[in-house]
Each structure stands twice: as C-alpha cells, then as structure tokens.
Amino acid sequence: MVDMKTMAKLLERFAQAVYAHDRENPTHNTWGIGMAYFDIERLGLEEGEELLPGIVLQADGGVTGNFRILCDGQHDRGAAEEEEEVVEAVSSEEVVAPAGAPEQAPQVRPPF
C-alpha cells in the first residue's frame, strides 16, 4: 500500500478527471476509472472498489501509469470519421520526375 499523501494526490487527480469529463460531456454518465491491473495491485487497491461516490475501479488492460475515465458515451465517433478522411486523401495520379543530376545553381556572392 502506498503512503497516505500519495493516495490523497491520486484520489484528487481522479476527482479532477471525473469533473473535467462531466463538464465536457454532460450527456454521458461516468461510472468508473480504468487502470492497468499492474497499477491496481501496486497501489494496494482492488478491482471493483468504490474510489469516489458512484465511481468504481476497473482493470481494463490499458497502459501502466495511466488511468481512463469510463462512461456510457461514445467518444470515438469523431476519430472514425477523421480516419476515413485520411484514407480518401490518397492520390491516384502518378508524377514522373526526370532522373539525373540536378543543375548547379549559380554562386551568389554577397555585396561588398
């Protein structure tokens, strides 16, 4: 188990993240915090433990050292549309450049 000062800072960060998520996404219901299983064990916590009122801890296989806010909303809708735009931006034209040495540029002398 980590010391109380570290746990207090961690809980404060959780509360700040939940507040920021709820402020930016008022139509979503936050229900948990996702962490890597390794981090849950390292902190001495248990999966399913209620950290904040109505917010439970969930092991979701993410990257160690990070946590995520878990909610019932769809956050990746815009990412799928953005990915489609990138796929459509591929050129179908072929540009042919002559192979050879580039011409030498004239030497520039500074004025005296």
PDB file of N, CA and C in Angstrom:
ATOM      1  N   MET A   1       0.849  -1.177   0.000  1.00  0.00           N
ATOM      2  CA  MET A   1       0.000   0.000   0.000  1.00  0.00           C
ATOM      3  C   MET A   1       0.892   1.238   0.000  1.00  0.00           C
ATOM      4  N   VAL A   2       0.514   2.224  -0.744  1.00  0.00           N
ATOM      5  CA  VAL A   2       1.268   3.476  -0.812  1.00  0.00           C
ATOM      6  C   VAL A   2       0.927   4.349   0.387  1.00  0.00           C
ATOM      7  N   ASP A   3       1.760   5.362   0.640  1.00  0.00           N
ATOM      8  CA  ASP A   3       1.514   6.234   1.786  1.00  0.00           C
ATOM      9  C   ASP A   3       0.270   7.101   1.562  1.00  0.00           C
ATOM     10  N   MET A   4      -0.210   7.691   2.613  1.00  0.00           N
ATOM     11  CA  MET A   4      -1.478   8.444   2.563  1.00  0.00           C
ATOM     12  C   MET A   4      -1.365   9.692   1.696  1.00  0.00           C
ATOM     13  N   LYS A   5      -0.194  10.326   1.676  1.00  0.00           N
ATOM     14  CA  LYS A   5      -0.018  11.536   0.877  1.00  0.00           C
ATOM     15  C   LYS A   5      -0.145  11.219  -0.617  1.00  0.00           C
ATOM     16  N   THR A   6       0.470  10.136  -1.052  1.00  0.00           N
ATOM     17  CA  THR A   6       0.390   9.718  -2.454  1.00  0.00           C
ATOM     18  C   THR A   6      -1.031   9.315  -2.820  1.00  0.00           C
ATOM     19  N   MET A   7      -1.705   8.587  -1.922  1.00  0.00           N
ATOM     20  CA  MET A   7      -3.086   8.169  -2.187  1.00  0.00           C
ATOM     21  C   MET A   7      -4.011   9.377  -2.253  1.00  0.00           C
ATOM     22  N   ALA A   8      -3.777  10.380  -1.416  1.00  0.00           N
ATOM     23  CA  ALA A   8      -4.602  11.591  -1.439  1.00  0.00           C
ATOM     24  C   ALA A   8      -4.435  12.325  -2.765  1.00  0.00           C
ATOM     25  N   LYS A   9      -3.205  12.425  -3.264  1.00  0.00           N
ATOM     26  CA  LYS A   9      -2.964  13.069  -4.557  1.00  0.00           C
ATOM     27  C   LYS A   9      -3.641  12.290  -5.682  1.00  0.00           C
ATOM     28  N   LEU A  10      -3.567  10.976  -5.620  1.00  0.00           N
ATOM     29  CA  LEU A  10      -4.181  10.136  -6.648  1.00  0.00           C
ATOM     30  C   LEU A  10      -5.700  10.312  -6.664  1.00  0.00           C
ATOM     31  N   LEU A  11      -6.308  10.299  -5.501  1.00  0.00           N
ATOM     32  CA  LEU A  11      -7.756  10.487  -5.426  1.00  0.00           C
ATOM     33  C   LEU A  11      -8.159  11.887  -5.890  1.00  0.00           C
ATOM     34  N   GLU A  12      -7.315  12.875  -5.609  1.00  0.00           N
ATOM     35  CA  GLU A  12      -7.590  14.230  -6.087  1.00  0.00           C
ATOM     36  C   GLU A  12      -7.552  14.282  -7.616  1.00  0.00           C
ATOM     37  N   ARG A  13      -6.580  13.599  -8.233  1.00  0.00           N
ATOM     38  CA  ARG A  13      -6.490  13.550  -9.701  1.00  0.00           C
ATOM     39  C   ARG A  13      -7.695  12.823 -10.294  1.00  0.00           C
ATOM     40  N   PHE A  14      -8.137  11.757  -9.636  1.00  0.00           N
ATOM     41  CA  PHE A  14      -9.332  11.050 -10.103  1.00  0.00           C
ATOM     42  C   PHE A  14     -10.536  11.986 -10.087  1.00  0.00           C
ATOM     43  N   ALA A  15     -10.717  12.707  -8.991  1.00  0.00           N
ATOM     44  CA  ALA A  15     -11.858  13.616  -8.868  1.00  0.00           C
ATOM     45  C   ALA A  15     -11.785  14.729  -9.915  1.00  0.00           C
ATOM     46  N   GLN A  16     -10.597  15.262 -10.158  1.00  0.00           N
ATOM     47  CA  GLN A  16     -10.434  16.305 -11.173  1.00  0.00           C
ATOM     48  C   GLN A  16     -10.767  15.778 -12.562  1.00  0.00           C
ATOM     49  N   ALA A  17     -10.317  14.560 -12.868  1.00  0.00           N
ATOM     50  CA  ALA A  17     -10.578  13.976 -14.178  1.00  0.00           C
ATOM     51  C   ALA A  17     -12.066  13.701 -14.378  1.00  0.00           C
ATOM     52  N   VAL A  18     -12.731  13.195 -13.346  1.00  0.00           N
ATOM     53  CA  VAL A  18     -14.170  12.937 -13.444  1.00  0.00           C
ATOM     54  C   VAL A  18     -14.918  14.251 -13.639  1.00  0.00           C
ATOM     55  N   TYR A  19     -14.526  15.283 -12.899  1.00  0.00           N
ATOM     56  CA  TYR A  19     -15.179  16.587 -13.033  1.00  0.00           C
ATOM     57  C   TYR A  19     -14.976  17.155 -14.437  1.00  0.00           C
ATOM     58  N   ALA A  20     -13.742  17.088 -14.951  1.00  0.00           N
ATOM     59  CA  ALA A  20     -13.457  17.606 -16.294  1.00  0.00           C
ATOM     60  C   ALA A  20     -14.239  16.832 -17.352  1.00  0.00           C
ATOM     61  N   HIS A  21     -14.318  15.516 -17.211  1.00  0.00           N
ATOM     62  CA  HIS A  21     -15.072  14.702 -18.170  1.00  0.00           C
ATOM     63  C   HIS A  21     -16.550  15.072 -18.143  1.00  0.00           C
ATOM     64  N   ASP A  22     -17.105  15.182 -16.945  1.00  0.00           N
ATOM     65  CA  ASP A  22     -18.529  15.500 -16.823  1.00  0.00           C
ATOM     66  C   ASP A  22     -18.844  16.913 -17.327  1.00  0.00           C
ATOM     67  N   ARG A  23     -17.901  17.834 -17.165  1.00  0.00           N
ATOM     68  CA  ARG A  23     -18.099  19.197 -17.657  1.00  0.00           C
ATOM     69  C   ARG A  23     -18.093  19.223 -19.192  1.00  0.00           C
ATOM     70  N   GLU A  24     -17.183  18.467 -19.813  1.00  0.00           N
ATOM     71  CA  GLU A  24     -17.074  18.454 -21.269  1.00  0.00           C
ATOM     72  C   GLU A  24     -18.119  17.570 -21.946  1.00  0.00           C
ATOM     73  N   ASN A  25     -18.632  16.583 -21.241  1.00  0.00           N
ATOM     74  CA  ASN A  25     -19.602  15.628 -21.795  1.00  0.00           C
ATOM     75  C   ASN A  25     -20.804  15.516 -20.862  1.00  0.00           C
ATOM     76  N   PRO A  26     -21.675  16.510 -20.847  1.00  0.00           N
ATOM     77  CA  PRO A  26     -22.783  16.491 -19.882  1.00  0.00           C
ATOM     78  C   PRO A  26     -23.815  15.392 -20.137  1.00  0.00           C
ATOM     79  N   THR A  27     -23.844  14.821 -21.335  1.00  0.00           N
ATOM     80  CA  THR A  27     -24.830  13.781 -21.623  1.00  0.00           C
ATOM     81  C   THR A  27     -24.337  12.380 -21.260  1.00  0.00           C
ATOM     82  N   HIS A  28     -23.071  12.228 -20.877  1.00  0.00           N
ATOM     83  CA  HIS A  28     -22.520  10.915 -20.523  1.00  0.00           C
ATOM     84  C   HIS A  28     -22.560  10.718 -19.017  1.00  0.00           C
ATOM     85  N   ASN A  29     -22.718   9.470 -18.605  1.00  0.00           N
ATOM     86  CA  ASN A  29     -22.709   9.128 -17.184  1.00  0.00           C
ATOM     87  C   ASN A  29     -21.403   8.424 -16.852  1.00  0.00           C
ATOM     88  N   THR A  30     -20.574   9.046 -16.040  1.00  0.00           N
ATOM     89  CA  THR A  30     -19.310   8.445 -15.615  1.00  0.00           C
ATOM     90  C   THR A  30     -19.614   7.383 -14.566  1.00  0.00           C
ATOM     91  N   TRP A  31     -19.030   6.192 -14.755  1.00  0.00           N
ATOM     92  CA  TRP A  31     -19.295   5.125 -13.800  1.00  0.00           C
ATOM     93  C   TRP A  31     -18.016   4.517 -13.223  1.00  0.00           C
ATOM     94  N   GLY A  32     -16.850   4.820 -13.820  1.00  0.00           N
ATOM     95  CA  GLY A  32     -15.652   4.187 -13.291  1.00  0.00           C
ATOM     96  C   GLY A  32     -14.356   4.811 -13.774  1.00  0.00           C
ATOM     97  N   ILE A  33     -13.286   4.269 -13.211  1.00  0.00           N
ATOM     98  CA  ILE A  33     -11.934   4.655 -13.594  1.00  0.00           C
ATOM     99  C   ILE A  33     -11.219   3.381 -14.002  1.00  0.00           C
ATOM    100  N   GLY A  34     -10.647   3.390 -15.205  1.00  0.00           N
ATOM    101  CA  GLY A  34      -9.939   2.229 -15.708  1.00  0.00           C
ATOM    102  C   GLY A  34      -8.437   2.384 -15.535  1.00  0.00           C
ATOM    103  N   MET A  35      -7.811   1.328 -15.036  1.00  0.00           N
ATOM    104  CA  MET A  35      -6.359   1.317 -14.844  1.00  0.00           C
ATOM    105  C   MET A  35      -5.818  -0.041 -15.260  1.00  0.00           C
ATOM    106  N   ALA A  36      -4.528  -0.099 -15.479  1.00  0.00           N
ATOM    107  CA  ALA A  36      -3.875  -1.382 -15.740  1.00  0.00           C
ATOM    108  C   ALA A  36      -3.922  -2.220 -14.457  1.00  0.00           C
ATOM    109  N   TYR A  37      -4.046  -3.521 -14.618  1.00  0.00           N
ATOM    110  CA  TYR A  37      -4.131  -4.406 -13.455  1.00  0.00           C
ATOM    111  C   TYR A  37      -2.887  -4.295 -12.582  1.00  0.00           C
ATOM    112  N   PHE A  38      -1.729  -4.117 -13.225  1.00  0.00           N
ATOM    113  CA  PHE A  38      -0.471  -3.973 -12.507  1.00  0.00           C
ATOM    114  C   PHE A  38      -0.527  -2.780 -11.551  1.00  0.00           C
ATOM    115  N   ASP A  39      -1.051  -1.653 -12.033  1.00  0.00           N
ATOM    116  CA  ASP A  39      -1.133  -0.448 -11.200  1.00  0.00           C
ATOM    117  C   ASP A  39      -2.104  -0.628 -10.042  1.00  0.00           C
ATOM    118  N   ILE A  40      -3.187  -1.334 -10.279  1.00  0.00           N
ATOM    119  CA  ILE A  40      -4.156  -1.578  -9.207  1.00  0.00           C
ATOM    120  C   ILE A  40      -3.505  -2.363  -8.080  1.00  0.00           C
ATOM    121  N   GLU A  41      -2.764  -3.417  -8.428  1.00  0.00           N
ATOM    122  CA  GLU A  41      -2.076  -4.212  -7.418  1.00  0.00           C
ATOM    123  C   GLU A  41      -0.985  -3.422  -6.724  1.00  0.00           C
ATOM    124  N   ARG A  42      -0.226  -2.643  -7.512  1.00  0.00           N
ATOM    125  CA  ARG A  42       0.888  -1.864  -6.966  1.00  0.00           C
ATOM    126  C   ARG A  42       0.403  -0.831  -5.945  1.00  0.00           C
ATOM    127  N   LEU A  43      -0.762  -0.266  -6.177  1.00  0.00           N
ATOM    128  CA  LEU A  43      -1.322   0.725  -5.258  1.00  0.00           C
ATOM    129  C   LEU A  43      -2.028   0.093  -4.062  1.00  0.00           C
ATOM    130  N   GLY A  44      -2.193  -1.205  -4.072  1.00  0.00           N
ATOM    131  CA  GLY A  44      -2.862  -1.886  -2.968  1.00  0.00           C
ATOM    132  C   GLY A  44      -4.366  -1.761  -3.023  1.00  0.00           C
ATOM    133  N   LEU A  45      -4.903  -1.533  -4.221  1.00  0.00           N
ATOM    134  CA  LEU A  45      -6.342  -1.401  -4.402  1.00  0.00           C
ATOM    135  C   LEU A  45      -6.911  -2.701  -4.950  1.00  0.00           C
ATOM    136  N   GLU A  46      -8.224  -2.784  -5.015  1.00  0.00           N
ATOM    137  CA  GLU A  46      -8.882  -3.972  -5.559  1.00  0.00           C
ATOM    138  C   GLU A  46      -9.823  -3.567  -6.679  1.00  0.00           C
ATOM    139  N   GLU A  47      -9.927  -4.412  -7.687  1.00  0.00           N
ATOM    140  CA  GLU A  47     -10.854  -4.153  -8.791  1.00  0.00           C
ATOM    141  C   GLU A  47     -12.274  -4.178  -8.253  1.00  0.00           C
ATOM    142  N   GLY A  48     -13.087  -3.206  -8.676  1.00  0.00           N
ATOM    143  CA  GLY A  48     -14.456  -3.101  -8.209  1.00  0.00           C
ATOM    144  C   GLY A  48     -14.606  -2.238  -6.968  1.00  0.00           C
ATOM    145  N   GLU A  49     -13.497  -1.790  -6.405  1.00  0.00           N
ATOM    146  CA  GLU A  49     -13.536  -0.934  -5.222  1.00  0.00           C
ATOM    147  C   GLU A  49     -14.087   0.441  -5.594  1.00  0.00           C
ATOM    148  N   GLU A  50     -14.938   0.985  -4.745  1.00  0.00           N
ATOM    149  CA  GLU A  50     -15.521   2.296  -4.998  1.00  0.00           C
ATOM    150  C   GLU A  50     -14.567   3.367  -4.471  1.00  0.00           C
ATOM    151  N   LEU A  51     -13.962   4.125  -5.401  1.00  0.00           N
ATOM    152  CA  LEU A  51     -12.985   5.146  -5.022  1.00  0.00           C
ATOM    153  C   LEU A  51     -13.632   6.467  -4.658  1.00  0.00           C
ATOM    154  N   LEU A  52     -14.591   6.875  -5.457  1.00  0.00           N
ATOM    155  CA  LEU A  52     -15.369   8.089  -5.233  1.00  0.00           C
ATOM    156  C   LEU A  52     -16.835   7.666  -5.223  1.00  0.00           C
ATOM    157  N   PRO A  53     -17.747   8.465  -4.700  1.00  0.00           N
ATOM    158  CA  PRO A  53     -19.154   8.074  -4.700  1.00  0.00           C
ATOM    159  C   PRO A  53     -19.670   7.767  -6.106  1.00  0.00           C
ATOM    160  N   GLY A  54     -20.034   6.523  -6.345  1.00  0.00           N
ATOM    161  CA  GLY A  54     -20.562   6.086  -7.632  1.00  0.00           C
ATOM    162  C   GLY A  54     -19.506   5.760  -8.676  1.00  0.00           C
ATOM    163  N   ILE A  55     -18.227   5.875  -8.341  1.00  0.00           N
ATOM    164  CA  ILE A  55     -17.129   5.629  -9.281  1.00  0.00           C
ATOM    165  C   ILE A  55     -16.338   4.421  -8.786  1.00  0.00           C
ATOM    166  N   VAL A  56     -16.333   3.353  -9.596  1.00  0.00           N
ATOM    167  CA  VAL A  56     -15.624   2.133  -9.215  1.00  0.00           C
ATOM    168  C   VAL A  56     -14.342   1.996 -10.026  1.00  0.00           C
ATOM    169  N   LEU A  57     -13.414   1.224  -9.496  1.00  0.00           N
ATOM    170  CA  LEU A  57     -12.133   0.969 -10.147  1.00  0.00           C
ATOM    171  C   LEU A  57     -12.256  -0.280 -11.012  1.00  0.00           C
ATOM    172  N   GLN A  58     -11.800  -0.195 -12.255  1.00  0.00           N
ATOM    173  CA  GLN A  58     -11.937  -1.304 -13.198  1.00  0.00           C
ATOM    174  C   GLN A  58     -10.599  -1.548 -13.886  1.00  0.00           C
ATOM    175  N   ALA A  59     -10.148  -2.800 -13.924  1.00  0.00           N
ATOM    176  CA  ALA A  59      -8.947  -3.162 -14.680  1.00  0.00           C
ATOM    177  C   ALA A  59      -9.363  -3.307 -16.133  1.00  0.00           C
ATOM    178  N   ASP A  60      -8.753  -2.486 -17.004  1.00  0.00           N
ATOM    179  CA  ASP A  60      -9.152  -2.541 -18.409  1.00  0.00           C
ATOM    180  C   ASP A  60      -7.997  -2.828 -19.362  1.00  0.00           C
ATOM    181  N   GLY A  61      -6.854  -3.231 -18.841  1.00  0.00           N
ATOM    182  CA  GLY A  61      -5.759  -3.630 -19.712  1.00  0.00           C
ATOM    183  C   GLY A  61      -5.076  -2.490 -20.429  1.00  0.00           C
ATOM    184  N   GLY A  62      -5.181  -1.290 -19.905  1.00  0.00           N
ATOM    185  CA  GLY A  62      -4.533  -0.141 -20.524  1.00  0.00           C
ATOM    186  C   GLY A  62      -3.048  -0.094 -20.205  1.00  0.00           C
ATOM    187  N   VAL A  63      -2.425   0.995 -20.581  1.00  0.00           N
ATOM    188  CA  VAL A  63      -1.002   1.189 -20.367  1.00  0.00           C
ATOM    189  C   VAL A  63      -0.741   1.508 -18.898  1.00  0.00           C
ATOM    190  N   THR A  64       0.311   0.945 -18.348  1.00  0.00           N
ATOM    191  CA  THR A  64       0.633   1.204 -16.955  1.00  0.00           C
ATOM    192  C   THR A  64       1.041   2.668 -16.762  1.00  0.00           C
ATOM    193  N   GLY A  65       0.673   3.227 -15.630  1.00  0.00           N
ATOM    194  CA  GLY A  65       0.988   4.619 -15.339  1.00  0.00           C
ATOM    195  C   GLY A  65      -0.092   5.592 -15.771  1.00  0.00           C
ATOM    196  N   ASN A  66      -1.128   5.126 -16.417  1.00  0.00           N
ATOM    197  CA  ASN A  66      -2.226   5.982 -16.880  1.00  0.00           C
ATOM    198  C   ASN A  66      -3.550   5.462 -16.342  1.00  0.00           C
ATOM    199  N   PHE A  67      -4.526   6.355 -16.294  1.00  0.00           N
ATOM    200  CA  PHE A  67      -5.886   5.922 -15.978  1.00  0.00           C
ATOM    201  C   PHE A  67      -6.835   6.577 -16.952  1.00  0.00           C
ATOM    202  N   ARG A  68      -8.015   5.990 -17.108  1.00  0.00           N
ATOM    203  CA  ARG A  68      -9.021   6.471 -18.030  1.00  0.00           C
ATOM    204  C   ARG A  68     -10.349   6.618 -17.311  1.00  0.00           C
ATOM    205  N   ILE A  69     -11.145   7.570 -17.773  1.00  0.00           N
ATOM    206  CA  ILE A  69     -12.490   7.738 -17.245  1.00  0.00           C
ATOM    207  C   ILE A  69     -13.411   6.842 -18.059  1.00  0.00           C
ATOM    208  N   LEU A  70     -14.168   6.011 -17.392  1.00  0.00           N
ATOM    209  CA  LEU A  70     -15.091   5.092 -18.054  1.00  0.00           C
ATOM    210  C   LEU A  70     -16.503   5.642 -17.948  1.00  0.00           C
ATOM    211  N   CYS A  71     -17.198   5.678 -19.085  1.00  0.00           N
ATOM    212  CA  CYS A  71     -18.560   6.206 -19.086  1.00  0.00           C
ATOM    213  C   CYS A  71     -19.396   5.431 -20.095  1.00  0.00           C
ATOM    214  N   ASP A  72     -20.677   5.788 -20.179  1.00  0.00           N
ATOM    215  CA  ASP A  72     -21.580   5.091 -21.094  1.00  0.00           C
ATOM    216  C   ASP A  72     -21.695   5.775 -22.449  1.00  0.00           C
ATOM    217  N   GLY A  73     -20.855   6.761 -22.737  1.00  0.00           N
ATOM    218  CA  GLY A  73     -20.925   7.504 -24.000  1.00  0.00           C
ATOM    219  C   GLY A  73     -19.967   6.971 -25.051  1.00  0.00           C
ATOM    220  N   GLN A  74     -20.149   7.441 -26.270  1.00  0.00           N
ATOM    221  CA  GLN A  74     -19.295   7.079 -27.400  1.00  0.00           C
ATOM    222  C   GLN A  74     -18.329   8.235 -27.665  1.00  0.00           C
ATOM    223  N   HIS A  75     -17.066   8.062 -27.356  1.00  0.00           N
ATOM    224  CA  HIS A  75     -16.080   9.121 -27.554  1.00  0.00           C
ATOM    225  C   HIS A  75     -15.320   8.978 -28.862  1.00  0.00           C
ATOM    226  N   ASP A  76     -15.347   7.839 -29.517  1.00  0.00           N
ATOM    227  CA  ASP A  76     -14.529   7.621 -30.709  1.00  0.00           C
ATOM    228  C   ASP A  76     -15.282   7.820 -32.015  1.00  0.00           C
ATOM    229  N   ARG A  77     -16.449   8.408 -31.982  1.00  0.00           N
ATOM    230  CA  ARG A  77     -17.201   8.653 -33.216  1.00  0.00           C
ATOM    231  C   ARG A  77     -16.445   9.586 -34.154  1.00  0.00           C
ATOM    232  N   GLY A  78     -15.892  10.673 -33.654  1.00  0.00           N
ATOM    233  CA  GLY A  78     -15.159  11.628 -34.476  1.00  0.00           C
ATOM    234  C   GLY A  78     -13.871  11.037 -35.024  1.00  0.00           C
ATOM    235  N   ALA A  79     -13.239  10.152 -34.293  1.00  0.00           N
ATOM    236  CA  ALA A  79     -11.985   9.549 -34.743  1.00  0.00           C
ATOM    237  C   ALA A  79     -12.217   8.676 -35.969  1.00  0.00           C
ATOM    238  N   ALA A  80     -13.327   7.963 -36.026  1.00  0.00           N
ATOM    239  CA  ALA A  80     -13.615   7.120 -37.181  1.00  0.00           C
ATOM    240  C   ALA A  80     -13.847   7.976 -38.420  1.00  0.00           C
ATOM    241  N   GLU A  81     -14.556   9.089 -38.277  1.00  0.00           N
ATOM    242  CA  GLU A  81     -14.781   9.977 -39.411  1.00  0.00           C
ATOM    243  C   GLU A  81     -13.480  10.598 -39.878  1.00  0.00           C
ATOM    244  N   GLU A  82     -12.623  10.979 -38.942  1.00  0.00           N
ATOM    245  CA  GLU A  82     -11.343  11.583 -39.289  1.00  0.00           C
ATOM    246  C   GLU A  82     -10.460  10.578 -40.019  1.00  0.00           C
ATOM    247  N   GLU A  83     -10.491   9.331 -39.597  1.00  0.00           N
ATOM    248  CA  GLU A  83      -9.701   8.294 -40.249  1.00  0.00           C
ATOM    249  C   GLU A  83     -10.168   8.085 -41.686  1.00  0.00           C
ATOM    250  N   GLU A  84     -11.467   8.136 -41.930  1.00  0.00           N
ATOM    251  CA  GLU A  84     -11.987   7.983 -43.281  1.00  0.00           C
ATOM    252  C   GLU A  84     -11.485   9.093 -44.187  1.00  0.00           C
ATOM    253  N   GLU A  85     -11.394  10.316 -43.682  1.00  0.00           N
ATOM    254  CA  GLU A  85     -10.907  11.429 -44.475  1.00  0.00           C
ATOM    255  C   GLU A  85      -9.464  11.202 -44.906  1.00  0.00           C
ATOM    256  N   VAL A  86      -8.643  10.653 -44.047  1.00  0.00           N
ATOM    257  CA  VAL A  86      -7.241  10.404 -44.371  1.00  0.00           C
ATOM    258  C   VAL A  86      -7.138   9.355 -45.465  1.00  0.00           C
ATOM    259  N   VAL A  87      -7.954   8.338 -45.418  1.00  0.00           N
ATOM    260  CA  VAL A  87      -7.923   7.274 -46.415  1.00  0.00           C
ATOM    261  C   VAL A  87      -8.324   7.820 -47.782  1.00  0.00           C
ATOM    262  N   GLU A  88      -9.282   8.734 -47.828  1.00  0.00           N
ATOM    263  CA  GLU A  88      -9.739   9.278 -49.095  1.00  0.00           C
ATOM    264  C   GLU A  88      -8.746  10.269 -49.698  1.00  0.00           C
ATOM    265  N   ALA A  89      -7.774  10.737 -48.942  1.00  0.00           N
ATOM    266  CA  ALA A  89      -6.840  11.751 -49.415  1.00  0.00           C
ATOM    267  C   ALA A  89      -5.671  11.168 -50.211  1.00  0.00           C
ATOM    268  N   VAL A  90      -5.650   9.875 -50.453  1.00  0.00           N
ATOM    269  CA  VAL A  90      -4.554   9.257 -51.200  1.00  0.00           C
ATOM    270  C   VAL A  90      -4.689   9.609 -52.672  1.00  0.00           C
ATOM    271  N   SER A  91      -3.581  10.015 -53.285  1.00  0.00           N
ATOM    272  CA  SER A  91      -3.591  10.428 -54.686  1.00  0.00           C
ATOM    273  C   SER A  91      -3.642   9.221 -55.606  1.00  0.00           C
ATOM    274  N   SER A  92      -4.323   9.379 -56.736  1.00  0.00           N
ATOM    275  CA  SER A  92      -4.373   8.304 -57.726  1.00  0.00           C
ATOM    276  C   SER A  92      -3.542   8.646 -58.955  1.00  0.00           C
ATOM    277  N   GLU A  93      -2.929   9.833 -58.981  1.00  0.00           N
ATOM    278  CA  GLU A  93      -2.105  10.250 -60.108  1.00  0.00           C
ATOM    279  C   GLU A  93      -0.645   9.922 -59.853  1.00  0.00           C
ATOM    280  N   GLU A  94       0.056   9.592 -60.939  1.00  0.00           N
ATOM    281  CA  GLU A  94       1.474   9.295 -60.831  1.00  0.00           C
ATOM    282  C   GLU A  94       2.262  10.464 -61.418  1.00  0.00           C
ATOM    283  N   VAL A  95       3.244  10.945 -60.680  1.00  0.00           N
ATOM    284  CA  VAL A  95       4.083  12.047 -61.141  1.00  0.00           C
ATOM    285  C   VAL A  95       5.454  11.478 -61.466  1.00  0.00           C
ATOM    286  N   VAL A  96       5.919  11.743 -62.693  1.00  0.00           N
ATOM    287  CA  VAL A  96       7.214  11.226 -63.112  1.00  0.00           C
ATOM    288  C   VAL A  96       8.196  12.389 -63.164  1.00  0.00           C
ATOM    289  N   ALA A  97       9.322  12.252 -62.486  1.00  0.00           N
ATOM    290  CA  ALA A  97      10.373  13.265 -62.495  1.00  0.00           C
ATOM    291  C   ALA A  97      11.563  12.701 -63.252  1.00  0.00           C
ATOM    292  N   PRO A  98      12.260  13.530 -64.059  1.00  0.00           N
ATOM    293  CA  PRO A  98      13.409  13.020 -64.799  1.00  0.00           C
ATOM    294  C   PRO A  98      14.532  12.607 -63.857  1.00  0.00           C
ATOM    295  N   ALA A  99      15.134  11.481 -64.153  1.00  0.00           N
ATOM    296  CA  ALA A  99      16.252  11.007 -63.355  1.00  0.00           C
ATOM    297  C   ALA A  99      17.524  11.635 -63.893  1.00  0.00           C
ATOM    298  N   GLY A 100      18.318  12.174 -63.031  1.00  0.00           N
ATOM    299  CA  GLY A 100      19.563  12.793 -63.454  1.00  0.00           C
ATOM    300  C   GLY A 100      20.048  13.734 -62.384  1.00  0.00           C
ATOM    301  N   ALA A 101      21.220  14.269 -62.619  1.00  0.00           N
ATOM    302  CA  ALA A 101      21.808  15.188 -61.651  1.00  0.00           C
ATOM    303  C   ALA A 101      21.109  16.540 -61.754  1.00  0.00           C
ATOM    304  N   PRO A 102      20.842  17.154 -60.635  1.00  0.00           N
ATOM    305  CA  PRO A 102      20.224  18.477 -60.688  1.00  0.00           C
ATOM    306  C   PRO A 102      21.230  19.499 -61.225  1.00  0.00           C
ATOM    307  N   GLU A 103      20.697  20.506 -61.867  1.00  0.00           N
ATOM    308  CA  GLU A 103      21.568  21.545 -62.398  1.00  0.00           C
ATOM    309  C   GLU A 103      22.227  22.299 -61.259  1.00  0.00           C
ATOM    310  N   GLN A 104      23.457  22.765 -61.516  1.00  0.00           N
ATOM    311  CA  GLN A 104      24.151  23.514 -60.487  1.00  0.00           C
ATOM    312  C   GLN A 104      23.608  24.938 -60.455  1.00  0.00           C
ATOM    313  N   ALA A 105      23.330  25.405 -59.271  1.00  0.00           N
ATOM    314  CA  ALA A 105      22.827  26.764 -59.097  1.00  0.00           C
ATOM    315  C   ALA A 105      23.997  27.734 -59.188  1.00  0.00           C
ATOM    316  N   PRO A 106      23.781  28.934 -59.731  1.00  0.00           N
ATOM    317  CA  PRO A 106      24.869  29.893 -59.805  1.00  0.00           C
ATOM    318  C   PRO A 106      25.317  30.330 -58.424  1.00  0.00           C
ATOM    319  N   GLN A 107      26.583  30.597 -58.264  1.00  0.00           N
ATOM    320  CA  GLN A 107      27.094  31.020 -56.972  1.00  0.00           C
ATOM    321  C   GLN A 107      26.644  32.445 -56.686  1.00  0.00           C
ATOM    322  N   VAL A 108      26.262  32.688 -55.483  1.00  0.00           N
ATOM    323  CA  VAL A 108      25.818  34.002 -55.063  1.00  0.00           C
ATOM    324  C   VAL A 108      26.916  34.614 -54.205  1.00  0.00           C
ATOM    325  N   ARG A 109      27.339  35.811 -54.561  1.00  0.00           N
ATOM    326  CA  ARG A 109      28.371  36.500 -53.767  1.00  0.00           C
ATOM    327  C   ARG A 109      27.726  37.680 -53.063  1.00  0.00           C
ATOM    328  N   PRO A 110      28.026  37.834 -51.791  1.00  0.00           N
ATOM    329  CA  PRO A 110      27.465  38.972 -51.065  1.00  0.00           C
ATOM    330  C   PRO A 110      28.087  40.276 -51.542  1.00  0.00           C
ATOM    331  N   PRO A 111      27.310  41.373 -51.541  1.00  0.00           N
ATOM    332  CA  PRO A 111      27.880  42.658 -51.971  1.00  0.00           C
ATOM    333  C   PRO A 111      28.857  43.193 -50.930  1.00  0.00           C
ATOM    334  N   PHE A 112      29.929  43.822 -51.424  1.00  0.00           N
ATOM    335  CA  PHE A 112      30.944  44.394 -50.526  1.00  0.00           C
ATOM    336  C   PHE A 112      30.775  45.851 -50.383  1.00  0.00           C
TER     337      PHE A 112
END
